[in-house]
């Protein structure tokens, strides 16, 4: 689901309710673990998840406010997941995604508004290294450098129809965890 879909008038209330329900379930589990003298690291981990759900709720509210403020202007709203800073300089950026499956034949479809925004940020920061970083099941990853010139096309049906940037699959690297660790070691040493 696209972030913009989550912040439409009808959907935001349901999304907020879903977040509150998830928090309530997790809080119940925390109380149960505390009563049973459960593992403190697990309790801390569950509290971390609640904090992340609060961040998600805050992001949705802010995006909703921005959409109300836009009036007749056309805006897109994109967060940046990871900026890597070393020795006083921003050296790379990551837009992280999770996919339960990732079978792509010719192209990896990417939300076009986000792609255009990230290209602009990459250019304005003077970054050579900005990647889509896909986390897949079974310790697999796809690393896709953001580059100019990806074809933009409308895909999908009904309310899911939107514009996508089509990243050529040959630009993506499918890696295991060891390869990804080595990739990032090389990236960090290169600066």
Protein backbone atom coordinates (compact mmCIF):
# COMPACT_ATOMS: atom_id res chain seq x y z
CA UNK A 1 0.00 0.00 0.00
CA UNK A 2 1.16 3.45 -0.92
CA UNK A 3 1.73 5.92 1.97
CA UNK A 4 -0.62 8.40 0.31
CA UNK A 5 -3.38 5.75 0.41
CA UNK A 6 -3.00 5.45 4.19
CA UNK A 7 -3.58 9.14 4.80
CA UNK A 8 -6.76 9.70 2.80
CA UNK A 9 -9.69 10.88 4.92
CA UNK A 10 -11.37 7.45 5.33
CA UNK A 11 -8.25 5.35 5.63
CA UNK A 12 -6.41 7.36 8.27
CA UNK A 13 -9.02 6.63 10.93
CA UNK A 14 -8.85 2.89 10.23
CA UNK A 15 -5.05 2.97 10.15
CA UNK A 16 -4.94 4.80 13.49
CA UNK A 17 -7.39 2.28 14.98
CA UNK A 18 -5.24 -0.60 13.70
CA UNK A 19 -2.12 0.95 15.26
CA UNK A 20 -3.91 1.44 18.58
CA UNK A 21 -5.17 -2.16 18.51
CA UNK A 22 -1.65 -3.47 17.83
CA UNK A 23 -0.27 -1.36 20.68
CA UNK A 24 -2.95 -2.65 23.02
CA UNK A 25 -2.14 -6.27 22.18
CA UNK A 26 1.59 -5.67 22.66
CA UNK A 27 1.01 -3.81 25.95
CA UNK A 28 -1.03 -6.76 27.21
CA UNK A 29 1.84 -9.09 26.38
CA UNK A 30 4.32 -6.79 28.16
CA UNK A 31 2.15 -6.80 31.30
CA UNK A 32 1.87 -10.59 31.13
CA UNK A 33 5.64 -10.98 30.79
CA UNK A 34 6.29 -8.53 33.63
CA UNK A 35 3.85 -10.42 35.89
CA UNK A 36 5.59 -13.72 35.08
CA UNK A 37 9.07 -12.22 35.55
CA UNK A 38 9.66 -12.64 31.81
CA UNK A 39 12.78 -11.95 29.84
CA UNK A 40 13.57 -8.22 30.14
CA UNK A 41 15.19 -8.13 26.69
CA UNK A 42 11.93 -9.38 25.14
CA UNK A 43 9.97 -6.77 27.12
CA UNK A 44 12.39 -4.07 25.93
CA UNK A 45 12.00 -5.33 22.35
CA UNK A 46 8.21 -5.13 22.60
CA UNK A 47 8.47 -1.60 23.99
CA UNK A 48 10.68 -0.71 21.00
CA UNK A 49 7.90 -1.95 18.67
CA UNK A 50 5.37 0.24 20.50
CA UNK A 51 7.69 3.23 20.03
CA UNK A 52 7.90 2.47 16.30
CA UNK A 53 4.10 2.25 16.08
CA UNK A 54 3.92 5.68 17.77
CA UNK A 55 6.36 7.02 15.15
CA UNK A 56 4.21 5.56 12.37
CA UNK A 57 1.13 7.19 13.86
CA UNK A 58 2.95 10.53 14.07
CA UNK A 59 4.09 10.22 10.44
CA UNK A 60 0.55 9.46 9.29
CA UNK A 61 -0.84 12.46 11.20
CA UNK A 62 1.81 14.81 9.79
CA UNK A 63 1.20 13.55 6.24
CA UNK A 64 -2.54 13.98 6.72
CA UNK A 65 -2.03 17.59 7.88
CA UNK A 66 0.21 18.30 4.88
CA UNK A 67 -2.41 16.92 2.49
CA UNK A 68 -5.05 19.17 4.08
CA UNK A 69 -2.68 22.14 3.68
CA UNK A 70 -1.87 21.43 0.03
CA UNK A 71 -5.07 22.95 -1.34
CA UNK A 72 -4.87 22.89 -5.13
CA UNK A 73 -1.09 22.29 -5.12
CA UNK A 74 0.22 18.87 -6.14
CA UNK A 75 2.61 17.46 -3.53
CA UNK A 76 4.11 14.11 -2.72
CA UNK A 77 5.21 13.01 0.74
CA UNK A 78 8.26 10.79 1.15
CA UNK A 79 10.28 9.82 4.15
CA UNK A 80 13.96 8.89 3.95
CA UNK A 81 14.80 5.70 5.77
CA UNK A 82 18.57 5.82 6.23
CA UNK A 83 21.30 8.40 5.67
CA UNK A 84 24.87 7.20 6.19
CA UNK A 85 27.25 9.86 7.52
CA UNK A 86 31.01 9.35 7.85
CA UNK A 87 33.84 11.74 8.69
CA UNK A 88 31.71 14.85 8.49
CA UNK A 89 30.07 13.97 5.19
CA UNK A 90 26.87 12.28 4.02
CA UNK A 91 28.11 9.38 1.90
CA UNK A 92 25.02 7.32 1.04
CA UNK A 93 21.28 6.92 1.46
CA UNK A 94 18.99 3.91 1.68
CA UNK A 95 15.29 3.58 1.03
CA UNK A 96 14.41 0.30 2.75
CA UNK A 97 11.60 -2.01 1.72
CA UNK A 98 10.38 -5.40 2.89
CA UNK A 99 8.94 -7.88 0.41
CA UNK A 100 7.43 -11.25 1.26
CA UNK A 101 8.30 -12.29 -2.25
CA UNK A 102 10.24 -10.55 -4.96
CA UNK A 103 9.88 -12.19 -8.31
CA UNK A 104 10.62 -9.60 -10.95
CA UNK A 105 11.10 -10.47 -14.61
CA UNK A 106 12.25 -7.29 -16.36
CA UNK A 107 11.59 -4.42 -13.97
CA UNK A 108 11.28 -3.66 -10.27
CA UNK A 109 8.22 -1.37 -9.90
CA UNK A 110 8.82 1.59 -7.57
CA UNK A 111 6.39 4.34 -6.59
CA UNK A 112 7.11 7.10 -9.11
CA UNK A 113 6.61 10.05 -6.74
CA UNK A 114 9.04 8.56 -4.25
CA UNK A 115 11.57 7.79 -7.00
CA UNK A 116 11.44 11.37 -8.34
CA UNK A 117 11.79 12.81 -4.83
CA UNK A 118 14.74 10.56 -3.94
CA UNK A 119 16.47 11.39 -7.25
CA UNK A 120 16.10 15.08 -6.40
CA UNK A 121 17.49 14.56 -2.87
CA UNK A 122 20.37 12.49 -4.26
CA UNK A 123 21.24 15.26 -6.72
CA UNK A 124 20.91 18.09 -4.19
CA UNK A 125 23.06 16.28 -1.61
CA UNK A 126 25.64 15.47 -4.30
CA UNK A 127 25.41 11.75 -3.51
CA UNK A 128 26.68 9.12 -5.88
CA UNK A 129 25.33 6.34 -3.66
CA UNK A 130 21.60 6.06 -2.97
CA UNK A 131 19.92 2.67 -2.98
CA UNK A 132 16.64 0.88 -2.67
CA UNK A 133 17.46 -1.85 -0.17
CA UNK A 134 14.93 -4.70 -0.24
CA UNK A 135 14.81 -7.15 2.66
CA UNK A 136 13.48 -10.52 1.49
CA UNK A 137 12.68 -13.75 3.36
CA UNK A 138 15.38 -16.30 4.10
CA UNK A 139 18.22 -13.81 4.52
CA UNK A 140 18.12 -12.50 0.95
CA UNK A 141 18.44 -8.86 -0.13
CA UNK A 142 18.10 -6.83 -3.30
CA UNK A 143 20.26 -3.72 -3.58
CA UNK A 144 19.20 -1.37 -6.36
CA UNK A 145 21.13 1.85 -7.02
CA UNK A 146 18.80 4.75 -7.78
CA UNK A 147 19.64 6.08 -11.21
CA UNK A 148 18.25 8.52 -13.76
CA UNK A 149 16.13 7.49 -16.68
CA UNK A 150 13.85 4.81 -15.30
CA UNK A 151 10.68 4.63 -17.37
CA UNK A 152 7.54 5.85 -15.57
CA UNK A 153 4.27 4.06 -16.31
CA UNK A 154 0.80 3.68 -14.79
CA UNK A 155 0.17 0.15 -13.48
CA UNK A 156 -2.54 -1.62 -11.49
CA UNK A 157 -6.31 -1.65 -11.51
CA UNK A 158 -8.91 0.51 -9.77
CA UNK A 159 -7.75 2.23 -6.56
CA UNK A 160 -4.34 0.52 -6.82
CA UNK A 161 -3.64 2.12 -10.21
CA UNK A 162 -0.76 4.55 -9.83
CA UNK A 163 2.46 5.63 -11.54
CA UNK A 164 5.57 3.53 -11.08
CA UNK A 165 9.19 3.97 -12.02
CA UNK A 166 10.35 0.76 -13.69
CA UNK A 167 13.88 -0.04 -12.53
CA UNK A 168 15.57 -2.52 -14.90
CA UNK A 169 16.14 -5.79 -13.04
CA UNK A 170 19.71 -6.04 -14.38
CA UNK A 171 20.61 -2.97 -12.27
CA UNK A 172 19.64 -4.85 -9.08
CA UNK A 173 21.97 -7.09 -7.08
CA UNK A 174 20.43 -10.12 -5.35
CA UNK A 175 22.60 -10.96 -2.32
CA UNK A 176 22.82 -13.02 0.82
CA UNK A 177 23.65 -11.48 4.18
CA UNK A 178 27.39 -12.10 3.91
CA UNK A 179 27.50 -10.36 0.51
CA UNK A 180 25.48 -7.41 1.81
CA UNK A 181 27.78 -7.00 4.82
CA UNK A 182 30.78 -7.01 2.47
CA UNK A 183 29.06 -4.50 0.16
CA UNK A 184 28.54 -2.09 3.07
CA UNK A 185 32.10 -2.63 4.36
CA UNK A 186 33.40 -1.67 0.91
CA UNK A 187 31.05 1.31 0.77
CA UNK A 188 32.21 2.60 4.16
CA UNK A 189 35.91 2.01 3.42
CA UNK A 190 35.57 3.80 0.09
CA UNK A 191 35.17 7.10 1.95
